[in-house]
Amino acid sequence: YDIYQPLTTFMVSRFTDDYRVLFGLFGL
């Protein structure tokens, strides 16, 4: 029901499953 988080998670998931990459992007 929100676009940002699932879309960002989807893009990161295309090349890694390491949550540090995802949370680093969230942090930026």
PDB file of all heavy atoms in Angstrom:
ATOM      1  N   TYR A   1       0.813  -1.202   0.000  1.00  0.00           N
ATOM      2  CA  TYR A   1       0.000   0.000   0.000  1.00  0.00           C
ATOM      3  C   TYR A   1       0.853   1.261   0.000  1.00  0.00           C
ATOM      4  O   TYR A   1       0.336   2.365   0.056  1.00  0.00           O
ATOM      5  CB  TYR A   1      -0.956   0.004   1.203  1.00  0.00           C
ATOM      6  CG  TYR A   1      -2.035  -1.035   1.056  1.00  0.00           C
ATOM      7  CD1 TYR A   1      -1.826  -2.328   1.511  1.00  0.00           C
ATOM      8  CD2 TYR A   1      -3.236  -0.730   0.430  1.00  0.00           C
ATOM      9  CE1 TYR A   1      -2.805  -3.295   1.353  1.00  0.00           C
ATOM     10  CE2 TYR A   1      -4.212  -1.694   0.272  1.00  0.00           C
ATOM     11  CZ  TYR A   1      -3.999  -2.976   0.740  1.00  0.00           C
ATOM     12  OH  TYR A   1      -4.964  -3.938   0.584  1.00  0.00           O
ATOM     13  N   ASP A   2       2.166   1.091  -0.047  1.00  0.00           N
ATOM     14  CA  ASP A   2       3.100   2.187  -0.197  1.00  0.00           C
ATOM     15  C   ASP A   2       4.099   1.767  -1.271  1.00  0.00           C
ATOM     16  O   ASP A   2       4.398   0.578  -1.418  1.00  0.00           O
ATOM     17  CB  ASP A   2       3.831   2.477   1.121  1.00  0.00           C
ATOM     18  CG  ASP A   2       2.859   2.591   2.294  1.00  0.00           C
ATOM     19  OD1 ASP A   2       1.947   3.423   2.200  1.00  0.00           O
ATOM     20  OD2 ASP A   2       3.017   1.835   3.265  1.00  0.00           O
ATOM     21  N   ILE A   3       4.624   2.725  -1.992  1.00  0.00           N
ATOM     22  CA  ILE A   3       5.436   2.397  -3.158  1.00  0.00           C
ATOM     23  C   ILE A   3       6.923   2.307  -2.842  1.00  0.00           C
ATOM     24  O   ILE A   3       7.620   1.414  -3.325  1.00  0.00           O
ATOM     25  CB  ILE A   3       5.186   3.443  -4.274  1.00  0.00           C
ATOM     26  CG1 ILE A   3       3.753   3.319  -4.779  1.00  0.00           C
ATOM     27  CG2 ILE A   3       6.182   3.287  -5.414  1.00  0.00           C
ATOM     28  CD1 ILE A   3       3.375   4.352  -5.811  1.00  0.00           C
ATOM     29  N   TYR A   4       7.420   3.210  -2.003  1.00  0.00           N
ATOM     30  CA  TYR A   4       8.874   3.374  -1.837  1.00  0.00           C
ATOM     31  C   TYR A   4       9.575   2.114  -1.336  1.00  0.00           C
ATOM     32  O   TYR A   4      10.510   1.612  -1.976  1.00  0.00           O
ATOM     33  CB  TYR A   4       9.147   4.552  -0.896  1.00  0.00           C
ATOM     34  CG  TYR A   4      10.568   4.608  -0.406  1.00  0.00           C
ATOM     35  CD1 TYR A   4      11.616   4.920  -1.274  1.00  0.00           C
ATOM     36  CD2 TYR A   4      10.883   4.339   0.935  1.00  0.00           C
ATOM     37  CE1 TYR A   4      12.923   4.960  -0.835  1.00  0.00           C
ATOM     38  CE2 TYR A   4      12.184   4.383   1.383  1.00  0.00           C
ATOM     39  CZ  TYR A   4      13.211   4.690   0.500  1.00  0.00           C
ATOM     40  OH  TYR A   4      14.501   4.730   0.941  1.00  0.00           O
ATOM     41  N   GLN A   5       9.146   1.581  -0.204  1.00  0.00           N
ATOM     42  CA  GLN A   5       9.876   0.462   0.398  1.00  0.00           C
ATOM     43  C   GLN A   5       9.874  -0.811  -0.461  1.00  0.00           C
ATOM     44  O   GLN A   5      10.934  -1.399  -0.714  1.00  0.00           O
ATOM     45  CB  GLN A   5       9.332   0.184   1.809  1.00  0.00           C
ATOM     46  CG  GLN A   5       9.996  -0.982   2.523  1.00  0.00           C
ATOM     47  CD  GLN A   5       9.277  -2.306   2.271  1.00  0.00           C
ATOM     48  OE1 GLN A   5       8.038  -2.339   2.239  1.00  0.00           O
ATOM     49  NE2 GLN A   5      10.028  -3.377   2.072  1.00  0.00           N
ATOM     50  N   PRO A   6       8.708  -1.270  -0.949  1.00  0.00           N
ATOM     51  CA  PRO A   6       8.753  -2.489  -1.765  1.00  0.00           C
ATOM     52  C   PRO A   6       9.498  -2.293  -3.081  1.00  0.00           C
ATOM     53  O   PRO A   6      10.181  -3.209  -3.546  1.00  0.00           O
ATOM     54  CB  PRO A   6       7.262  -2.816  -2.003  1.00  0.00           C
ATOM     55  CG  PRO A   6       6.526  -1.563  -1.721  1.00  0.00           C
ATOM     56  CD  PRO A   6       7.319  -0.842  -0.689  1.00  0.00           C
ATOM     57  N   LEU A   7       9.402  -1.085  -3.665  1.00  0.00           N
ATOM     58  CA  LEU A   7      10.114  -0.835  -4.921  1.00  0.00           C
ATOM     59  C   LEU A   7      11.622  -0.842  -4.694  1.00  0.00           C
ATOM     60  O   LEU A   7      12.382  -1.429  -5.480  1.00  0.00           O
ATOM     61  CB  LEU A   7       9.667   0.507  -5.516  1.00  0.00           C
ATOM     62  CG  LEU A   7      10.274   0.891  -6.864  1.00  0.00           C
ATOM     63  CD1 LEU A   7       9.946  -0.154  -7.917  1.00  0.00           C
ATOM     64  CD2 LEU A   7       9.785   2.269  -7.302  1.00  0.00           C
ATOM     65  N   THR A   8      12.081  -0.199  -3.621  1.00  0.00           N
ATOM     66  CA  THR A   8      13.505  -0.185  -3.308  1.00  0.00           C
ATOM     67  C   THR A   8      13.997  -1.587  -2.987  1.00  0.00           C
ATOM     68  O   THR A   8      15.069  -2.011  -3.449  1.00  0.00           O
ATOM     69  CB  THR A   8      13.770   0.747  -2.108  1.00  0.00           C
ATOM     70  OG1 THR A   8      13.268   2.050  -2.383  1.00  0.00           O
ATOM     71  CG2 THR A   8      15.262   0.837  -1.808  1.00  0.00           C
ATOM     72  N   THR A   9      13.221  -2.330  -2.214  1.00  0.00           N
ATOM     73  CA  THR A   9      13.599  -3.705  -1.872  1.00  0.00           C
ATOM     74  C   THR A   9      13.694  -4.562  -3.129  1.00  0.00           C
ATOM     75  O   THR A   9      14.621  -5.374  -3.282  1.00  0.00           O
ATOM     76  CB  THR A   9      12.569  -4.313  -0.902  1.00  0.00           C
ATOM     77  OG1 THR A   9      12.463  -3.492   0.263  1.00  0.00           O
ATOM     78  CG2 THR A   9      12.972  -5.716  -0.486  1.00  0.00           C
ATOM     79  N   PHE A  10      12.752  -4.387  -4.041  1.00  0.00           N
ATOM     80  CA  PHE A  10      12.757  -5.154  -5.291  1.00  0.00           C
ATOM     81  C   PHE A  10      14.016  -4.873  -6.105  1.00  0.00           C
ATOM     82  O   PHE A  10      14.671  -5.800  -6.611  1.00  0.00           O
ATOM     83  CB  PHE A  10      11.515  -4.820  -6.110  1.00  0.00           C
ATOM     84  CG  PHE A  10      11.480  -5.469  -7.470  1.00  0.00           C
ATOM     85  CD1 PHE A  10      11.090  -6.790  -7.610  1.00  0.00           C
ATOM     86  CD2 PHE A  10      11.867  -4.759  -8.598  1.00  0.00           C
ATOM     87  CE1 PHE A  10      11.073  -7.401  -8.863  1.00  0.00           C
ATOM     88  CE2 PHE A  10      11.843  -5.355  -9.851  1.00  0.00           C
ATOM     89  CZ  PHE A  10      11.446  -6.671  -9.979  1.00  0.00           C
ATOM     90  N   MET A  11      14.381  -3.585  -6.227  1.00  0.00           N
ATOM     91  CA  MET A  11      15.560  -3.225  -7.022  1.00  0.00           C
ATOM     92  C   MET A  11      16.831  -3.810  -6.424  1.00  0.00           C
ATOM     93  O   MET A  11      17.679  -4.347  -7.151  1.00  0.00           O
ATOM     94  CB  MET A  11      15.664  -1.704  -7.142  1.00  0.00           C
ATOM     95  CG  MET A  11      14.580  -1.076  -7.996  1.00  0.00           C
ATOM     96  SD  MET A  11      14.868   0.689  -8.319  1.00  0.00           S
ATOM     97  CE  MET A  11      14.862   1.357  -6.650  1.00  0.00           C
ATOM     98  N   VAL A  12      16.970  -3.749  -5.109  1.00  0.00           N
ATOM     99  CA  VAL A  12      18.158  -4.302  -4.459  1.00  0.00           C
ATOM    100  C   VAL A  12      18.172  -5.822  -4.588  1.00  0.00           C
ATOM    101  O   VAL A  12      19.227  -6.434  -4.782  1.00  0.00           O
ATOM    102  CB  VAL A  12      18.205  -3.876  -2.974  1.00  0.00           C
ATOM    103  CG1 VAL A  12      19.337  -4.598  -2.237  1.00  0.00           C
ATOM    104  CG2 VAL A  12      18.385  -2.367  -2.856  1.00  0.00           C
ATOM    105  N   SER A  13      16.994  -6.448  -4.532  1.00  0.00           N
ATOM    106  CA  SER A  13      16.914  -7.915  -4.583  1.00  0.00           C
ATOM    107  C   SER A  13      17.359  -8.481  -5.919  1.00  0.00           C
ATOM    108  O   SER A  13      17.641  -9.682  -6.018  1.00  0.00           O
ATOM    109  CB  SER A  13      15.479  -8.367  -4.292  1.00  0.00           C
ATOM    110  OG  SER A  13      14.615  -8.089  -5.389  1.00  0.00           O
ATOM    111  N   ARG A  14      17.418  -7.634  -6.941  1.00  0.00           N
ATOM    112  CA  ARG A  14      17.839  -8.131  -8.252  1.00  0.00           C
ATOM    113  C   ARG A  14      19.308  -8.517  -8.287  1.00  0.00           C
ATOM    114  O   ARG A  14      19.735  -9.266  -9.183  1.00  0.00           O
ATOM    115  CB  ARG A  14      17.553  -7.075  -9.332  1.00  0.00           C
ATOM    116  CG  ARG A  14      16.081  -6.738  -9.558  1.00  0.00           C
ATOM    117  CD  ARG A  14      15.215  -7.951  -9.853  1.00  0.00           C
ATOM    118  NE  ARG A  14      14.716  -8.597  -8.626  1.00  0.00           N
ATOM    119  CZ  ARG A  14      14.063  -9.747  -8.598  1.00  0.00           C
ATOM    120  NH1 ARG A  14      13.860 -10.400  -9.714  1.00  0.00           N
ATOM    121  NH2 ARG A  14      13.631 -10.238  -7.460  1.00  0.00           N
ATOM    122  N   PHE A  15      20.112  -8.002  -7.310  1.00  0.00           N
ATOM    123  CA  PHE A  15      21.527  -8.350  -7.346  1.00  0.00           C
ATOM    124  C   PHE A  15      22.089  -8.830  -6.011  1.00  0.00           C
ATOM    125  O   PHE A  15      23.230  -9.290  -5.957  1.00  0.00           O
ATOM    126  CB  PHE A  15      22.371  -7.176  -7.861  1.00  0.00           C
ATOM    127  CG  PHE A  15      22.239  -5.910  -7.053  1.00  0.00           C
ATOM    128  CD1 PHE A  15      23.049  -5.662  -5.964  1.00  0.00           C
ATOM    129  CD2 PHE A  15      21.291  -4.950  -7.419  1.00  0.00           C
ATOM    130  CE1 PHE A  15      22.936  -4.501  -5.234  1.00  0.00           C
ATOM    131  CE2 PHE A  15      21.174  -3.769  -6.690  1.00  0.00           C
ATOM    132  CZ  PHE A  15      21.996  -3.542  -5.598  1.00  0.00           C
ATOM    133  N   THR A  16      21.308  -8.774  -4.918  1.00  0.00           N
ATOM    134  CA  THR A  16      21.810  -9.285  -3.643  1.00  0.00           C
ATOM    135  C   THR A  16      20.664  -9.532  -2.674  1.00  0.00           C
ATOM    136  O   THR A  16      19.583  -8.938  -2.813  1.00  0.00           O
ATOM    137  CB  THR A  16      22.808  -8.299  -3.000  1.00  0.00           C
ATOM    138  OG1 THR A  16      23.338  -8.871  -1.796  1.00  0.00           O
ATOM    139  CG2 THR A  16      22.126  -6.997  -2.639  1.00  0.00           C
ATOM    140  N   ASP A  17      20.921 -10.397  -1.673  1.00  0.00           N
ATOM    141  CA  ASP A  17      19.969 -10.584  -0.592  1.00  0.00           C
ATOM    142  C   ASP A  17      20.560 -10.110   0.738  1.00  0.00           C
ATOM    143  O   ASP A  17      20.021 -10.397   1.810  1.00  0.00           O
ATOM    144  CB  ASP A  17      19.520 -12.042  -0.484  1.00  0.00           C
ATOM    145  CG  ASP A  17      20.676 -12.983  -0.130  1.00  0.00           C
ATOM    146  OD1 ASP A  17      21.843 -12.508  -0.059  1.00  0.00           O
ATOM    147  OD2 ASP A  17      20.424 -14.181   0.074  1.00  0.00           O
ATOM    148  N   ASP A  18      21.663  -9.354   0.673  1.00  0.00           N
ATOM    149  CA  ASP A  18      22.332  -8.833   1.861  1.00  0.00           C
ATOM    150  C   ASP A  18      21.582  -7.600   2.362  1.00  0.00           C
ATOM    151  O   ASP A  18      21.547  -6.567   1.680  1.00  0.00           O
ATOM    152  CB  ASP A  18      23.776  -8.474   1.530  1.00  0.00           C
ATOM    153  CG  ASP A  18      24.610  -8.163   2.773  1.00  0.00           C
ATOM    154  OD1 ASP A  18      24.028  -7.736   3.791  1.00  0.00           O
ATOM    155  OD2 ASP A  18      25.847  -8.338   2.708  1.00  0.00           O
ATOM    156  N   TYR A  19      20.996  -7.714   3.552  1.00  0.00           N
ATOM    157  CA  TYR A  19      20.172  -6.616   4.059  1.00  0.00           C
ATOM    158  C   TYR A  19      20.982  -5.346   4.304  1.00  0.00           C
ATOM    159  O   TYR A  19      20.432  -4.238   4.336  1.00  0.00           O
ATOM    160  CB  TYR A  19      19.446  -7.035   5.343  1.00  0.00           C
ATOM    161  CG  TYR A  19      20.310  -7.100   6.586  1.00  0.00           C
ATOM    162  CD1 TYR A  19      20.542  -5.965   7.354  1.00  0.00           C
ATOM    163  CD2 TYR A  19      20.869  -8.306   6.999  1.00  0.00           C
ATOM    164  CE1 TYR A  19      21.322  -6.019   8.495  1.00  0.00           C
ATOM    165  CE2 TYR A  19      21.644  -8.373   8.140  1.00  0.00           C
ATOM    166  CZ  TYR A  19      21.875  -7.227   8.883  1.00  0.00           C
ATOM    167  OH  TYR A  19      22.650  -7.280  10.002  1.00  0.00           O
ATOM    168  N   ARG A  20      22.305  -5.477   4.456  1.00  0.00           N
ATOM    169  CA  ARG A  20      23.126  -4.290   4.696  1.00  0.00           C
ATOM    170  C   ARG A  20      23.095  -3.347   3.504  1.00  0.00           C
ATOM    171  O   ARG A  20      23.129  -2.120   3.673  1.00  0.00           O
ATOM    172  CB  ARG A  20      24.559  -4.705   5.037  1.00  0.00           C
ATOM    173  CG  ARG A  20      24.687  -5.387   6.391  1.00  0.00           C
ATOM    174  CD  ARG A  20      26.098  -5.855   6.651  1.00  0.00           C
ATOM    175  NE  ARG A  20      26.511  -6.899   5.715  1.00  0.00           N
ATOM    176  CZ  ARG A  20      27.663  -7.567   5.794  1.00  0.00           C
ATOM    177  NH1 ARG A  20      28.511  -7.286   6.779  1.00  0.00           N
ATOM    178  NH2 ARG A  20      27.963  -8.503   4.922  1.00  0.00           N
ATOM    179  N   VAL A  21      23.029  -3.899   2.307  1.00  0.00           N
ATOM    180  CA  VAL A  21      22.933  -3.061   1.114  1.00  0.00           C
ATOM    181  C   VAL A  21      21.611  -2.297   1.116  1.00  0.00           C
ATOM    182  O   VAL A  21      21.559  -1.081   0.864  1.00  0.00           O
ATOM    183  CB  VAL A  21      23.056  -3.911  -0.165  1.00  0.00           C
ATOM    184  CG1 VAL A  21      22.887  -3.038  -1.410  1.00  0.00           C
ATOM    185  CG2 VAL A  21      24.396  -4.636  -0.197  1.00  0.00           C
ATOM    186  N   LEU A  22      20.531  -3.012   1.426  1.00  0.00           N
ATOM    187  CA  LEU A  22      19.210  -2.385   1.453  1.00  0.00           C
ATOM    188  C   LEU A  22      19.145  -1.306   2.530  1.00  0.00           C
ATOM    189  O   LEU A  22      18.695  -0.181   2.267  1.00  0.00           O
ATOM    190  CB  LEU A  22      18.141  -3.445   1.724  1.00  0.00           C
ATOM    191  CG  LEU A  22      16.699  -2.932   1.843  1.00  0.00           C
ATOM    192  CD1 LEU A  22      16.240  -2.302   0.548  1.00  0.00           C
ATOM    193  CD2 LEU A  22      15.765  -4.073   2.250  1.00  0.00           C
ATOM    194  N   PHE A  23      19.621  -1.615   3.721  1.00  0.00           N
ATOM    195  CA  PHE A  23      19.535  -0.644   4.818  1.00  0.00           C
ATOM    196  C   PHE A  23      20.497   0.513   4.606  1.00  0.00           C
ATOM    197  O   PHE A  23      20.236   1.627   5.062  1.00  0.00           O
ATOM    198  CB  PHE A  23      19.807  -1.331   6.151  1.00  0.00           C
ATOM    199  CG  PHE A  23      18.712  -2.266   6.578  1.00  0.00           C
ATOM    200  CD1 PHE A  23      18.831  -3.014   7.735  1.00  0.00           C
ATOM    201  CD2 PHE A  23      17.555  -2.422   5.830  1.00  0.00           C
ATOM    202  CE1 PHE A  23      17.828  -3.880   8.144  1.00  0.00           C
ATOM    203  CE2 PHE A  23      16.544  -3.286   6.206  1.00  0.00           C
ATOM    204  CZ  PHE A  23      16.682  -4.016   7.362  1.00  0.00           C
ATOM    205  N   GLY A  24      21.620   0.255   3.928  1.00  0.00           N
ATOM    206  CA  GLY A  24      22.513   1.349   3.581  1.00  0.00           C
ATOM    207  C   GLY A  24      21.847   2.327   2.634  1.00  0.00           C
ATOM    208  O   GLY A  24      21.987   3.551   2.766  1.00  0.00           O
ATOM    209  N   LEU A  25      21.085   1.789   1.674  1.00  0.00           N
ATOM    210  CA  LEU A  25      20.338   2.650   0.751  1.00  0.00           C
ATOM    211  C   LEU A  25      19.232   3.391   1.485  1.00  0.00           C
ATOM    212  O   LEU A  25      19.016   4.595   1.259  1.00  0.00           O
ATOM    213  CB  LEU A  25      19.758   1.803  -0.380  1.00  0.00           C
ATOM    214  CG  LEU A  25      19.046   2.557  -1.513  1.00  0.00           C
ATOM    215  CD1 LEU A  25      19.968   3.599  -2.128  1.00  0.00           C
ATOM    216  CD2 LEU A  25      18.551   1.589  -2.572  1.00  0.00           C
ATOM    217  N   PHE A  26      18.523   2.687   2.369  1.00  0.00           N
ATOM    218  CA  PHE A  26      17.522   3.356   3.207  1.00  0.00           C
ATOM    219  C   PHE A  26      18.162   4.517   3.980  1.00  0.00           C
ATOM    220  O   PHE A  26      17.605   5.608   4.074  1.00  0.00           O
ATOM    221  CB  PHE A  26      16.918   2.373   4.211  1.00  0.00           C
ATOM    222  CG  PHE A  26      15.927   1.407   3.627  1.00  0.00           C
ATOM    223  CD1 PHE A  26      15.607   0.225   4.302  1.00  0.00           C
ATOM    224  CD2 PHE A  26      15.301   1.661   2.423  1.00  0.00           C
ATOM    225  CE1 PHE A  26      14.685  -0.665   3.775  1.00  0.00           C
ATOM    226  CE2 PHE A  26      14.375   0.765   1.889  1.00  0.00           C
ATOM    227  CZ  PHE A  26      14.075  -0.403   2.570  1.00  0.00           C
ATOM    228  N   GLY A  27      19.349   4.245   4.545  1.00  0.00           N
ATOM    229  CA  GLY A  27      20.030   5.268   5.330  1.00  0.00           C
ATOM    230  C   GLY A  27      20.435   6.465   4.504  1.00  0.00           C
ATOM    231  O   GLY A  27      20.358   7.613   4.966  1.00  0.00           O
ATOM    232  N   LEU A  28      20.861   6.241   3.265  1.00  0.00           N
ATOM    233  CA  LEU A  28      21.241   7.354   2.395  1.00  0.00           C
ATOM    234  C   LEU A  28      20.041   8.244   2.078  1.00  0.00           C
ATOM    235  O   LEU A  28      20.153   9.476   2.085  1.00  0.00           O
ATOM    236  CB  LEU A  28      21.858   6.830   1.104  1.00  0.00           C
ATOM    237  CG  LEU A  28      23.322   6.401   1.173  1.00  0.00           C
ATOM    238  CD1 LEU A  28      23.752   5.812  -0.175  1.00  0.00           C
ATOM    239  CD2 LEU A  28      24.214   7.580   1.537  1.00  0.00           C
TER     240      LEU A  28
END
